[in-house]
PDB file of N, CA and C in Angstrom:
ATOM      1  N   MET A   1       0.814  -1.197  -0.002  1.00  0.00           N
ATOM      2  CA  MET A   1       0.002   0.002   0.001  1.00  0.00           C
ATOM      3  C   MET A   1       0.853   1.258  -0.001  1.00  0.00           C
ATOM      4  N   GLN A   2       1.988   1.209   0.665  1.00  0.00           N
ATOM      5  CA  GLN A   2       2.828   2.406   0.697  1.00  0.00           C
ATOM      6  C   GLN A   2       3.286   2.790  -0.709  1.00  0.00           C
ATOM      7  N   GLY A   3       3.552   1.780  -1.526  1.00  0.00           N
ATOM      8  CA  GLY A   3       3.963   2.060  -2.905  1.00  0.00           C
ATOM      9  C   GLY A   3       2.879   2.766  -3.684  1.00  0.00           C
ATOM     10  N   GLU A   4       1.633   2.347  -3.485  1.00  0.00           N
ATOM     11  CA  GLU A   4       0.506   2.970  -4.176  1.00  0.00           C
ATOM     12  C   GLU A   4       0.311   4.407  -3.698  1.00  0.00           C
ATOM     13  N   ALA A   5       0.406   4.620  -2.394  1.00  0.00           N
ATOM     14  CA  ALA A   5       0.246   5.974  -1.856  1.00  0.00           C
ATOM     15  C   ALA A   5       1.369   6.892  -2.336  1.00  0.00           C
ATOM     16  N   PHE A   6       2.580   6.364  -2.353  1.00  0.00           N
ATOM     17  CA  PHE A   6       3.717   7.167  -2.824  1.00  0.00           C
ATOM     18  C   PHE A   6       3.558   7.480  -4.307  1.00  0.00           C
ATOM     19  N   ALA A   7       3.131   6.503  -5.096  1.00  0.00           N
ATOM     20  CA  ALA A   7       2.927   6.734  -6.527  1.00  0.00           C
ATOM     21  C   ALA A   7       1.862   7.804  -6.749  1.00  0.00           C
ATOM     22  N   PHE A   8       0.780   7.754  -5.973  1.00  0.00           N
ATOM     23  CA  PHE A   8      -0.259   8.784  -6.089  1.00  0.00           C
ATOM     24  C   PHE A   8       0.334  10.175  -5.842  1.00  0.00           C
ATOM     25  N   ALA A   9       1.067  10.315  -4.740  1.00  0.00           N
ATOM     26  CA  ALA A   9       1.652  11.617  -4.407  1.00  0.00           C
ATOM     27  C   ALA A   9       2.636  12.070  -5.479  1.00  0.00           C
ATOM     28  N   LYS A  10       3.469  11.166  -5.914  1.00  0.00           N
ATOM     29  CA  LYS A  10       4.492  11.505  -6.912  1.00  0.00           C
ATOM     30  C   LYS A  10       3.852  11.895  -8.237  1.00  0.00           C
ATOM     31  N   TYR A  11       2.893  11.104  -8.700  1.00  0.00           N
ATOM     32  CA  TYR A  11       2.259  11.398  -9.993  1.00  0.00           C
ATOM     33  C   TYR A  11       1.443  12.693  -9.934  1.00  0.00           C
ATOM     34  N   THR A  12       0.861  12.978  -8.771  1.00  0.00           N
ATOM     35  CA  THR A  12       0.140  14.232  -8.610  1.00  0.00           C
ATOM     36  C   THR A  12       1.089  15.416  -8.751  1.00  0.00           C
ATOM     37  N   ARG A  13       2.255  15.312  -8.153  1.00  0.00           N
ATOM     38  CA  ARG A  13       3.267  16.373  -8.292  1.00  0.00           C
ATOM     39  C   ARG A  13       3.777  16.457  -9.728  1.00  0.00           C
ATOM     40  N   TYR A  14       3.978  15.304 -10.366  1.00  0.00           N
ATOM     41  CA  TYR A  14       4.413  15.298 -11.764  1.00  0.00           C
ATOM     42  C   TYR A  14       3.369  15.989 -12.646  1.00  0.00           C
ATOM     43  N   ALA A  15       2.095  15.739 -12.364  1.00  0.00           N
ATOM     44  CA  ALA A  15       1.017  16.351 -13.145  1.00  0.00           C
ATOM     45  C   ALA A  15       1.052  17.872 -12.982  1.00  0.00           C
ATOM     46  N   ARG A  16       1.245  18.335 -11.776  1.00  0.00           N
ATOM     47  CA  ARG A  16       1.318  19.777 -11.533  1.00  0.00           C
ATOM     48  C   ARG A  16       2.475  20.384 -12.308  1.00  0.00           C
ATOM     49  N   GLN A  17       3.636  19.724 -12.274  1.00  0.00           N
ATOM     50  CA  GLN A  17       4.805  20.235 -12.993  1.00  0.00           C
ATOM     51  C   GLN A  17       4.538  20.268 -14.499  1.00  0.00           C
ATOM     52  N   ALA A  18       3.914  19.211 -15.027  1.00  0.00           N
ATOM     53  CA  ALA A  18       3.619  19.158 -16.459  1.00  0.00           C
ATOM     54  C   ALA A  18       2.649  20.274 -16.852  1.00  0.00           C
ATOM     55  N   ARG A  19       1.633  20.512 -16.022  1.00  0.00           N
ATOM     56  CA  ARG A  19       0.688  21.601 -16.282  1.00  0.00           C
ATOM     57  C   ARG A  19       1.407  22.943 -16.302  1.00  0.00           C
ATOM     58  N   GLN A  20       2.264  23.159 -15.330  1.00  0.00           N
ATOM     59  CA  GLN A  20       3.009  24.427 -15.248  1.00  0.00           C
ATOM     60  C   GLN A  20       3.951  24.603 -16.436  1.00  0.00           C
ATOM     61  N   ALA A  21       4.448  23.492 -16.976  1.00  0.00           N
ATOM     62  CA  ALA A  21       5.367  23.552 -18.111  1.00  0.00           C
ATOM     63  C   ALA A  21       4.631  23.609 -19.445  1.00  0.00           C
ATOM     64  N   GLY A  22       3.295  23.615 -19.407  1.00  0.00           N
ATOM     65  CA  GLY A  22       2.514  23.714 -20.638  1.00  0.00           C
ATOM     66  C   GLY A  22       2.326  22.395 -21.364  1.00  0.00           C
ATOM     67  N   ASN A  23       2.314  21.295 -20.619  1.00  0.00           N
ATOM     68  CA  ASN A  23       2.105  19.973 -21.203  1.00  0.00           C
ATOM     69  C   ASN A  23       0.815  19.351 -20.658  1.00  0.00           C
ATOM     70  N   PRO A  24      -0.357  19.841 -21.101  1.00  0.00           N
ATOM     71  CA  PRO A  24      -1.611  19.373 -20.515  1.00  0.00           C
ATOM     72  C   PRO A  24      -1.889  17.889 -20.742  1.00  0.00           C
ATOM     73  N   GLN A  25      -1.457  17.328 -21.877  1.00  0.00           N
ATOM     74  CA  GLN A  25      -1.699  15.907 -22.116  1.00  0.00           C
ATOM     75  C   GLN A  25      -0.911  15.051 -21.127  1.00  0.00           C
ATOM     76  N   ILE A  26       0.330  15.425 -20.891  1.00  0.00           N
ATOM     77  CA  ILE A  26       1.139  14.680 -19.922  1.00  0.00           C
ATOM     78  C   ILE A  26       0.561  14.856 -18.522  1.00  0.00           C
ATOM     79  N   ALA A  27       0.106  16.063 -18.215  1.00  0.00           N
ATOM     80  CA  ALA A  27      -0.522  16.313 -16.920  1.00  0.00           C
ATOM     81  C   ALA A  27      -1.749  15.430 -16.735  1.00  0.00           C
ATOM     82  N   GLN A  28      -2.567  15.311 -17.770  1.00  0.00           N
ATOM     83  CA  GLN A  28      -3.757  14.454 -17.682  1.00  0.00           C
ATOM     84  C   GLN A  28      -3.379  12.996 -17.487  1.00  0.00           C
ATOM     85  N   LEU A  29      -2.339  12.548 -18.184  1.00  0.00           N
ATOM     86  CA  LEU A  29      -1.883  11.159 -18.030  1.00  0.00           C
ATOM     87  C   LEU A  29      -1.453  10.902 -16.589  1.00  0.00           C
ATOM     88  N   PHE A  30      -0.635  11.785 -16.035  1.00  0.00           N
ATOM     89  CA  PHE A  30      -0.204  11.602 -14.657  1.00  0.00           C
ATOM     90  C   PHE A  30      -1.376  11.674 -13.688  1.00  0.00           C
ATOM     91  N   SER A  31      -2.283  12.627 -13.897  1.00  0.00           N
ATOM     92  CA  SER A  31      -3.442  12.765 -13.006  1.00  0.00           C
ATOM     93  C   SER A  31      -4.335  11.538 -13.053  1.00  0.00           C
ATOM     94  N   ARG A  32      -4.607  11.050 -14.242  1.00  0.00           N
ATOM     95  CA  ARG A  32      -5.447   9.867 -14.412  1.00  0.00           C
ATOM     96  C   ARG A  32      -4.807   8.654 -13.729  1.00  0.00           C
ATOM     97  N   THR A  33      -3.507   8.490 -13.941  1.00  0.00           N
ATOM     98  CA  THR A  33      -2.803   7.357 -13.339  1.00  0.00           C
ATOM     99  C   THR A  33      -2.771   7.485 -11.816  1.00  0.00           C
ATOM    100  N   ALA A  34      -2.567   8.692 -11.329  1.00  0.00           N
ATOM    101  CA  ALA A  34      -2.556   8.919  -9.882  1.00  0.00           C
ATOM    102  C   ALA A  34      -3.886   8.518  -9.258  1.00  0.00           C
ATOM    103  N   ARG A  35      -4.990   8.869  -9.920  1.00  0.00           N
ATOM    104  CA  ARG A  35      -6.319   8.524  -9.378  1.00  0.00           C
ATOM    105  C   ARG A  35      -6.505   7.013  -9.302  1.00  0.00           C
ATOM    106  N   VAL A  36      -6.023   6.294 -10.304  1.00  0.00           N
ATOM    107  CA  VAL A  36      -6.120   4.830 -10.273  1.00  0.00           C
ATOM    108  C   VAL A  36      -5.308   4.278  -9.103  1.00  0.00           C
ATOM    109  N   GLU A  37      -4.104   4.801  -8.917  1.00  0.00           N
ATOM    110  CA  GLU A  37      -3.260   4.339  -7.817  1.00  0.00           C
ATOM    111  C   GLU A  37      -3.965   4.508  -6.474  1.00  0.00           C
ATOM    112  N   LEU A  38      -4.646   5.651  -6.301  1.00  0.00           N
ATOM    113  CA  LEU A  38      -5.316   5.931  -5.033  1.00  0.00           C
ATOM    114  C   LEU A  38      -6.684   5.269  -4.940  1.00  0.00           C
ATOM    115  N   ASP A  39      -7.546   5.539  -5.920  1.00  0.00           N
ATOM    116  CA  ASP A  39      -8.945   5.129  -5.829  1.00  0.00           C
ATOM    117  C   ASP A  39      -9.163   3.642  -6.050  1.00  0.00           C
ATOM    118  N   GLU A  40      -8.282   3.011  -6.776  1.00  0.00           N
ATOM    119  CA  GLU A  40      -8.441   1.582  -7.012  1.00  0.00           C
ATOM    120  C   GLU A  40      -7.428   0.776  -6.204  1.00  0.00           C
ATOM    121  N   HIS A  41      -6.168   0.927  -6.527  1.00  0.00           N
ATOM    122  CA  HIS A  41      -5.148   0.068  -5.919  1.00  0.00           C
ATOM    123  C   HIS A  41      -5.033   0.274  -4.411  1.00  0.00           C
ATOM    124  N   PHE A  42      -4.770   1.495  -3.990  1.00  0.00           N
ATOM    125  CA  PHE A  42      -4.619   1.751  -2.558  1.00  0.00           C
ATOM    126  C   PHE A  42      -5.901   1.426  -1.807  1.00  0.00           C
ATOM    127  N   ALA A  43      -7.024   1.893  -2.314  1.00  0.00           N
ATOM    128  CA  ALA A  43      -8.303   1.691  -1.631  1.00  0.00           C
ATOM    129  C   ALA A  43      -8.630   0.216  -1.468  1.00  0.00           C
ATOM    130  N   GLU A  44      -8.400  -0.563  -2.511  1.00  0.00           N
ATOM    131  CA  GLU A  44      -8.690  -1.991  -2.433  1.00  0.00           C
ATOM    132  C   GLU A  44      -7.753  -2.693  -1.454  1.00  0.00           C
ATOM    133  N   GLU A  45      -6.478  -2.316  -1.465  1.00  0.00           N
ATOM    134  CA  GLU A  45      -5.523  -2.915  -0.530  1.00  0.00           C
ATOM    135  C   GLU A  45      -5.859  -2.523   0.908  1.00  0.00           C
ATOM    136  N   ALA A  46      -6.264  -1.277   1.118  1.00  0.00           N
ATOM    137  CA  ALA A  46      -6.636  -0.819   2.457  1.00  0.00           C
ATOM    138  C   ALA A  46      -7.857  -1.579   2.966  1.00  0.00           C
ATOM    139  N   THR A  47      -8.803  -1.827   2.093  1.00  0.00           N
ATOM    140  CA  THR A  47      -9.985  -2.591   2.472  1.00  0.00           C
ATOM    141  C   THR A  47      -9.611  -4.015   2.853  1.00  0.00           C
ATOM    142  N   LEU A  48      -8.776  -4.636   2.029  1.00  0.00           N
ATOM    143  CA  LEU A  48      -8.321  -5.994   2.342  1.00  0.00           C
ATOM    144  C   LEU A  48      -7.598  -6.069   3.674  1.00  0.00           C
ATOM    145  N   ALA A  49      -6.823  -5.041   3.993  1.00  0.00           N
ATOM    146  CA  ALA A  49      -6.052  -5.015   5.226  1.00  0.00           C
ATOM    147  C   ALA A  49      -6.884  -4.581   6.437  1.00  0.00           C
ATOM    148  N   GLY A  50      -8.127  -4.190   6.195  1.00  0.00           N
ATOM    149  CA  GLY A  50      -8.994  -3.763   7.298  1.00  0.00           C
ATOM    150  C   GLY A  50      -8.641  -2.403   7.868  1.00  0.00           C
ATOM    151  N   LEU A  51      -8.045  -1.539   7.055  1.00  0.00           N
ATOM    152  CA  LEU A  51      -7.623  -0.224   7.547  1.00  0.00           C
ATOM    153  C   LEU A  51      -8.746   0.793   7.642  1.00  0.00           C
ATOM    154  N   VAL A  52      -9.842   0.542   6.973  1.00  0.00           N
ATOM    155  CA  VAL A  52     -10.946   1.498   6.998  1.00  0.00           C
ATOM    156  C   VAL A  52     -12.115   0.854   7.729  1.00  0.00           C
ATOM    157  N   ALA A  53     -12.516   1.470   8.839  1.00  0.00           N
ATOM    158  CA  ALA A  53     -13.635   0.945   9.613  1.00  0.00           C
ATOM    159  C   ALA A  53     -14.948   1.320   8.938  1.00  0.00           C
ATOM    160  N   SER A  54     -16.007   0.682   9.379  1.00  0.00           N
ATOM    161  CA  SER A  54     -17.314   0.943   8.771  1.00  0.00           C
ATOM    162  C   SER A  54     -18.048   2.103   9.425  1.00  0.00           C
ATOM    163  N   ASP A  55     -17.453   2.715  10.459  1.00  0.00           N
ATOM    164  CA  ASP A  55     -18.113   3.864  11.066  1.00  0.00           C
ATOM    165  C   ASP A  55     -17.142   5.021  11.253  1.00  0.00           C
ATOM    166  N   ALA A  56     -17.699   6.224  11.221  1.00  0.00           N
ATOM    167  CA  ALA A  56     -16.896   7.446  11.275  1.00  0.00           C
ATOM    168  C   ALA A  56     -16.136   7.575  12.585  1.00  0.00           C
ATOM    169  N   ALA A  57     -16.733   7.178  13.695  1.00  0.00           N
ATOM    170  CA  ALA A  57     -16.073   7.330  14.990  1.00  0.00           C
ATOM    171  C   ALA A  57     -14.773   6.526  15.043  1.00  0.00           C
ATOM    172  N   ALA A  58     -14.806   5.314  14.544  1.00  0.00           N
ATOM    173  CA  ALA A  58     -13.593   4.493  14.545  1.00  0.00           C
ATOM    174  C   ALA A  58     -12.536   5.093  13.629  1.00  0.00           C
ATOM    175  N   ASN A  59     -12.949   5.575  12.466  1.00  0.00           N
ATOM    176  CA  ASN A  59     -11.994   6.184  11.547  1.00  0.00           C
ATOM    177  C   ASN A  59     -11.401   7.464  12.135  1.00  0.00           C
ATOM    178  N   LEU A  60     -12.224   8.282  12.797  1.00  0.00           N
ATOM    179  CA  LEU A  60     -11.725   9.499  13.426  1.00  0.00           C
ATOM    180  C   LEU A  60     -10.761   9.173  14.566  1.00  0.00           C
ATOM    181  N   THR A  61     -11.088   8.169  15.358  1.00  0.00           N
ATOM    182  CA  THR A  61     -10.215   7.767  16.465  1.00  0.00           C
ATOM    183  C   THR A  61      -8.865   7.320  15.941  1.00  0.00           C
ATOM    184  N   ASP A  62      -8.869   6.549  14.875  1.00  0.00           N
ATOM    185  CA  ASP A  62      -7.613   6.116  14.264  1.00  0.00           C
ATOM    186  C   ASP A  62      -6.825   7.312  13.726  1.00  0.00           C
ATOM    187  N   ALA A  63      -7.519   8.225  13.062  1.00  0.00           N
ATOM    188  CA  ALA A  63      -6.856   9.407  12.502  1.00  0.00           C
ATOM    189  C   ALA A  63      -6.256  10.274  13.612  1.00  0.00           C
ATOM    190  N   ILE A  64      -6.960  10.420  14.717  1.00  0.00           N
ATOM    191  CA  ILE A  64      -6.457  11.202  15.852  1.00  0.00           C
ATOM    192  C   ILE A  64      -5.151  10.602  16.357  1.00  0.00           C
ATOM    193  N   ALA A  65      -5.129   9.293  16.531  1.00  0.00           N
ATOM    194  CA  ALA A  65      -3.915   8.635  17.029  1.00  0.00           C
ATOM    195  C   ALA A  65      -2.742   8.838  16.080  1.00  0.00           C
ATOM    196  N   GLY A  66      -2.987   8.722  14.787  1.00  0.00           N
ATOM    197  CA  GLY A  66      -1.916   8.894  13.818  1.00  0.00           C
ATOM    198  C   GLY A  66      -1.395  10.313  13.782  1.00  0.00           C
ATOM    199  N   GLU A  67      -2.288  11.291  13.765  1.00  0.00           N
ATOM    200  CA  GLU A  67      -1.870  12.687  13.728  1.00  0.00           C
ATOM    201  C   GLU A  67      -1.147  13.077  15.019  1.00  0.00           C
ATOM    202  N   LYS A  68      -1.617  12.559  16.137  1.00  0.00           N
ATOM    203  CA  LYS A  68      -0.970  12.845  17.424  1.00  0.00           C
ATOM    204  C   LYS A  68       0.463  12.316  17.436  1.00  0.00           C
ATOM    205  N   GLN A  69       0.662  11.107  16.960  1.00  0.00           N
ATOM    206  CA  GLN A  69       2.005  10.517  16.931  1.00  0.00           C
ATOM    207  C   GLN A  69       2.925  11.325  16.023  1.00  0.00           C
ATOM    208  N   GLU A  70       2.413  11.738  14.885  1.00  0.00           N
ATOM    209  CA  GLU A  70       3.223  12.532  13.964  1.00  0.00           C
ATOM    210  C   GLU A  70       3.556  13.903  14.559  1.00  0.00           C
ATOM    211  N   ALA A  71       2.578  14.540  15.199  1.00  0.00           N
ATOM    212  CA  ALA A  71       2.765  15.888  15.748  1.00  0.00           C
ATOM    213  C   ALA A  71       3.675  15.908  16.966  1.00  0.00           C
ATOM    214  N   GLU A  72       3.551  14.896  17.812  1.00  0.00           N
ATOM    215  CA  GLU A  72       4.256  14.927  19.092  1.00  0.00           C
ATOM    216  C   GLU A  72       5.546  14.121  19.118  1.00  0.00           C
ATOM    217  N   SER A  73       5.710  13.217  18.175  1.00  0.00           N
ATOM    218  CA  SER A  73       6.883  12.346  18.218  1.00  0.00           C
ATOM    219  C   SER A  73       7.667  12.352  16.913  1.00  0.00           C
ATOM    220  N   MET A  74       7.025  11.901  15.850  1.00  0.00           N
ATOM    221  CA  MET A  74       7.748  11.672  14.598  1.00  0.00           C
ATOM    222  C   MET A  74       8.410  12.934  14.054  1.00  0.00           C
ATOM    223  N   TYR A  75       7.621  13.972  13.780  1.00  0.00           N
ATOM    224  CA  TYR A  75       8.198  15.173  13.166  1.00  0.00           C
ATOM    225  C   TYR A  75       9.103  15.964  14.120  1.00  0.00           C
ATOM    226  N   PRO A  76       8.780  16.045  15.417  1.00  0.00           N
ATOM    227  CA  PRO A  76       9.754  16.669  16.320  1.00  0.00           C
ATOM    228  C   PRO A  76      11.093  15.910  16.349  1.00  0.00           C
ATOM    229  N   ASP A  77      11.035  14.586  16.306  1.00  0.00           N
ATOM    230  CA  ASP A  77      12.274  13.805  16.251  1.00  0.00           C
ATOM    231  C   ASP A  77      13.055  14.108  14.974  1.00  0.00           C
ATOM    232  N   TYR A  78      12.347  14.176  13.856  1.00  0.00           N
ATOM    233  CA  TYR A  78      13.010  14.524  12.591  1.00  0.00           C
ATOM    234  C   TYR A  78      13.653  15.910  12.685  1.00  0.00           C
ATOM    235  N   ALA A  79      12.932  16.857  13.286  1.00  0.00           N
ATOM    236  CA  ALA A  79      13.470  18.217  13.425  1.00  0.00           C
ATOM    237  C   ALA A  79      14.729  18.224  14.276  1.00  0.00           C
ATOM    238  N   ASN A  80      14.709  17.461  15.369  1.00  0.00           N
ATOM    239  CA  ASN A  80      15.892  17.386  16.231  1.00  0.00           C
ATOM    240  C   ASN A  80      17.073  16.771  15.493  1.00  0.00           C
ATOM    241  N   GLN A  81      16.811  15.729  14.707  1.00  0.00           N
ATOM    242  CA  GLN A  81      17.884  15.119  13.926  1.00  0.00           C
ATOM    243  C   GLN A  81      18.442  16.105  12.911  1.00  0.00           C
ATOM    244  N   ALA A  82      17.563  16.849  12.277  1.00  0.00           N
ATOM    245  CA  ALA A  82      18.007  17.836  11.290  1.00  0.00           C
ATOM    246  C   ALA A  82      18.834  18.935  11.965  1.00  0.00           C
ATOM    247  N   ASP A  83      18.400  19.360  13.160  1.00  0.00           N
ATOM    248  CA  ASP A  83      19.180  20.349  13.908  1.00  0.00           C
ATOM    249  C   ASP A  83      20.585  19.831  14.194  1.00  0.00           C
ATOM    250  N   LYS A  84      20.653  18.582  14.657  1.00  0.00           N
ATOM    251  CA  LYS A  84      21.953  17.982  14.978  1.00  0.00           C
ATOM    252  C   LYS A  84      22.848  17.879  13.749  1.00  0.00           C
ATOM    253  N   ALA A  85      22.217  17.690  12.589  1.00  0.00           N
ATOM    254  CA  ALA A  85      22.973  17.589  11.336  1.00  0.00           C
ATOM    255  C   ALA A  85      23.295  18.960  10.760  1.00  0.00           C
ATOM    256  N   GLY A  86      22.805  20.016  11.406  1.00  0.00           N
ATOM    257  CA  GLY A  86      23.059  21.361  10.930  1.00  0.00           C
ATOM    258  C   GLY A  86      22.192  21.801   9.768  1.00  0.00           C
ATOM    259  N   ASN A  87      21.059  21.120   9.586  1.00  0.00           N
ATOM    260  CA  ASN A  87      20.172  21.442   8.470  1.00  0.00           C
ATOM    261  C   ASN A  87      18.954  22.204   8.999  1.00  0.00           C
ATOM    262  N   ALA A  88      19.115  23.503   9.164  1.00  0.00           N
ATOM    263  CA  ALA A  88      18.048  24.336   9.725  1.00  0.00           C
ATOM    264  C   ALA A  88      16.811  24.356   8.838  1.00  0.00           C
ATOM    265  N   ARG A  89      17.013  24.320   7.536  1.00  0.00           N
ATOM    266  CA  ARG A  89      15.865  24.352   6.615  1.00  0.00           C
ATOM    267  C   ARG A  89      14.977  23.126   6.814  1.00  0.00           C
ATOM    268  N   ALA A  90      15.598  21.957   6.902  1.00  0.00           N
ATOM    269  CA  ALA A  90      14.824  20.731   7.129  1.00  0.00           C
ATOM    270  C   ALA A  90      14.164  20.761   8.500  1.00  0.00           C
ATOM    271  N   ALA A  91      14.894  21.224   9.512  1.00  0.00           N
ATOM    272  CA  ALA A  91      14.330  21.295  10.860  1.00  0.00           C
ATOM    273  C   ALA A  91      13.098  22.191  10.889  1.00  0.00           C
ATOM    274  N   ASP A  92      13.191  23.345  10.236  1.00  0.00           N
ATOM    275  CA  ASP A  92      12.046  24.249  10.179  1.00  0.00           C
ATOM    276  C   ASP A  92      10.860  23.605   9.469  1.00  0.00           C
ATOM    277  N   LEU A  93      11.126  22.906   8.368  1.00  0.00           N
ATOM    278  CA  LEU A  93      10.058  22.233   7.635  1.00  0.00           C
ATOM    279  C   LEU A  93       9.380  21.189   8.524  1.00  0.00           C
ATOM    280  N   PHE A  94      10.165  20.376   9.222  1.00  0.00           N
ATOM    281  CA  PHE A  94       9.582  19.338  10.072  1.00  0.00           C
ATOM    282  C   PHE A  94       8.766  19.943  11.216  1.00  0.00           C
ATOM    283  N   ARG A  95       9.200  21.060  11.746  1.00  0.00           N
ATOM    284  CA  ARG A  95       8.421  21.722  12.800  1.00  0.00           C
ATOM    285  C   ARG A  95       7.112  22.278  12.225  1.00  0.00           C
ATOM    286  N   GLU A  96       7.171  22.808  11.023  1.00  0.00           N
ATOM    287  CA  GLU A  96       5.959  23.308  10.371  1.00  0.00           C
ATOM    288  C   GLU A  96       4.978  22.158  10.118  1.00  0.00           C
ATOM    289  N   ILE A  97       5.492  21.039   9.655  1.00  0.00           N
ATOM    290  CA  ILE A  97       4.638  19.886   9.415  1.00  0.00           C
ATOM    291  C   ILE A  97       4.034  19.384  10.724  1.00  0.00           C
ATOM    292  N   ALA A  98       4.831  19.361  11.790  1.00  0.00           N
ATOM    293  CA  ALA A  98       4.324  18.935  13.108  1.00  0.00           C
ATOM    294  C   ALA A  98       3.151  19.818  13.539  1.00  0.00           C
ATOM    295  N   ALA A  99       3.267  21.105  13.313  1.00  0.00           N
ATOM    296  CA  ALA A  99       2.168  22.025  13.669  1.00  0.00           C
ATOM    297  C   ALA A  99       0.924  21.735  12.826  1.00  0.00           C
ATOM    298  N   ASP A 100       1.125  21.441  11.552  1.00  0.00           N
ATOM    299  CA  ASP A 100      -0.007  21.076  10.685  1.00  0.00           C
ATOM    300  C   ASP A 100      -0.671  19.809  11.194  1.00  0.00           C
ATOM    301  N   GLU A 101       0.132  18.819  11.575  1.00  0.00           N
ATOM    302  CA  GLU A 101      -0.413  17.550  12.064  1.00  0.00           C
ATOM    303  C   GLU A 101      -1.201  17.762  13.350  1.00  0.00           C
ATOM    304  N   LYS A 102      -0.721  18.655  14.214  1.00  0.00           N
ATOM    305  CA  LYS A 102      -1.446  18.973  15.456  1.00  0.00           C
ATOM    306  C   LYS A 102      -2.801  19.593  15.124  1.00  0.00           C
ATOM    307  N   ALA A 103      -2.829  20.473  14.133  1.00  0.00           N
ATOM    308  CA  ALA A 103      -4.101  21.078  13.718  1.00  0.00           C
ATOM    309  C   ALA A 103      -5.046  20.019  13.150  1.00  0.00           C
ATOM    310  N   HIS A 104      -4.500  19.067  12.420  1.00  0.00           N
ATOM    311  CA  HIS A 104      -5.335  17.970  11.896  1.00  0.00           C
ATOM    312  C   HIS A 104      -5.919  17.165  13.055  1.00  0.00           C
ATOM    313  N   GLU A 105      -5.066  16.843  14.028  1.00  0.00           N
ATOM    314  CA  GLU A 105      -5.537  16.093  15.203  1.00  0.00           C
ATOM    315  C   GLU A 105      -6.690  16.825  15.877  1.00  0.00           C
ATOM    316  N   GLN A 106      -6.531  18.124  16.083  1.00  0.00           N
ATOM    317  CA  GLN A 106      -7.572  18.905  16.752  1.00  0.00           C
ATOM    318  C   GLN A 106      -8.864  18.928  15.932  1.00  0.00           C
ATOM    319  N   ALA A 107      -8.742  19.046  14.624  1.00  0.00           N
ATOM    320  CA  ALA A 107      -9.932  19.043  13.770  1.00  0.00           C
ATOM    321  C   ALA A 107     -10.658  17.702  13.855  1.00  0.00           C
ATOM    322  N   PHE A 108      -9.892  16.610  13.853  1.00  0.00           N
ATOM    323  CA  PHE A 108     -10.506  15.281  13.975  1.00  0.00           C
ATOM    324  C   PHE A 108     -11.156  15.116  15.345  1.00  0.00           C
ATOM    325  N   ARG A 109     -10.533  15.638  16.386  1.00  0.00           N
ATOM    326  CA  ARG A 109     -11.122  15.559  17.726  1.00  0.00           C
ATOM    327  C   ARG A 109     -12.459  16.317  17.775  1.00  0.00           C
ATOM    328  N   GLN A 110     -12.501  17.479  17.161  1.00  0.00           N
ATOM    329  CA  GLN A 110     -13.748  18.256  17.126  1.00  0.00           C
ATOM    330  C   GLN A 110     -14.835  17.502  16.374  1.00  0.00           C
ATOM    331  N   ALA A 111     -14.450  16.880  15.267  1.00  0.00           N
ATOM    332  CA  ALA A 111     -15.427  16.118  14.484  1.00  0.00           C
ATOM    333  C   ALA A 111     -15.947  14.932  15.289  1.00  0.00           C
ATOM    334  N   LEU A 112     -15.050  14.255  16.006  1.00  0.00           N
ATOM    335  CA  LEU A 112     -15.459  13.119  16.828  1.00  0.00           C
ATOM    336  C   LEU A 112     -16.409  13.574  17.935  1.00  0.00           C
ATOM    337  N   ALA A 113     -16.101  14.680  18.565  1.00  0.00           N
ATOM    338  CA  ALA A 113     -16.954  15.203  19.634  1.00  0.00           C
ATOM    339  C   ALA A 113     -18.338  15.598  19.112  1.00  0.00           C
ATOM    340  N   ALA A 114     -18.398  15.985  17.851  1.00  0.00           N
ATOM    341  CA  ALA A 114     -19.672  16.412  17.263  1.00  0.00           C
ATOM    342  C   ALA A 114     -20.566  15.251  16.860  1.00  0.00           C
ATOM    343  N   LEU A 115     -20.017  14.050  16.831  1.00  0.00           N
ATOM    344  CA  LEU A 115     -20.845  12.888  16.432  1.00  0.00           C
ATOM    345  C   LEU A 115     -21.896  12.569  17.479  1.00  0.00           C
TER     346      LEU A 115
END
């Protein structure tokens, strides 16, 4: 599944670059292929693996846990490693992403509370 998700992200970026470079046919090809990677391949594999629950509360609870781990552990650890390596640009990016993940966690918590 990680390969399918990565291909979706990569092809989506390739499509944007092709559009910006004035290659709409290539952009459409990448966009179409990206959608298949996500909507068919990834989705079917996720279903087989039981990653998507049948109710919103379970999906929100899972999303909260993932965003919390990324915000409080994963990206801060990456930022610290980047600082130690002397890469301030990467450290700043990882801190920015951590803040985004925290906002996602909070949004999911609000949605769960509203159910």
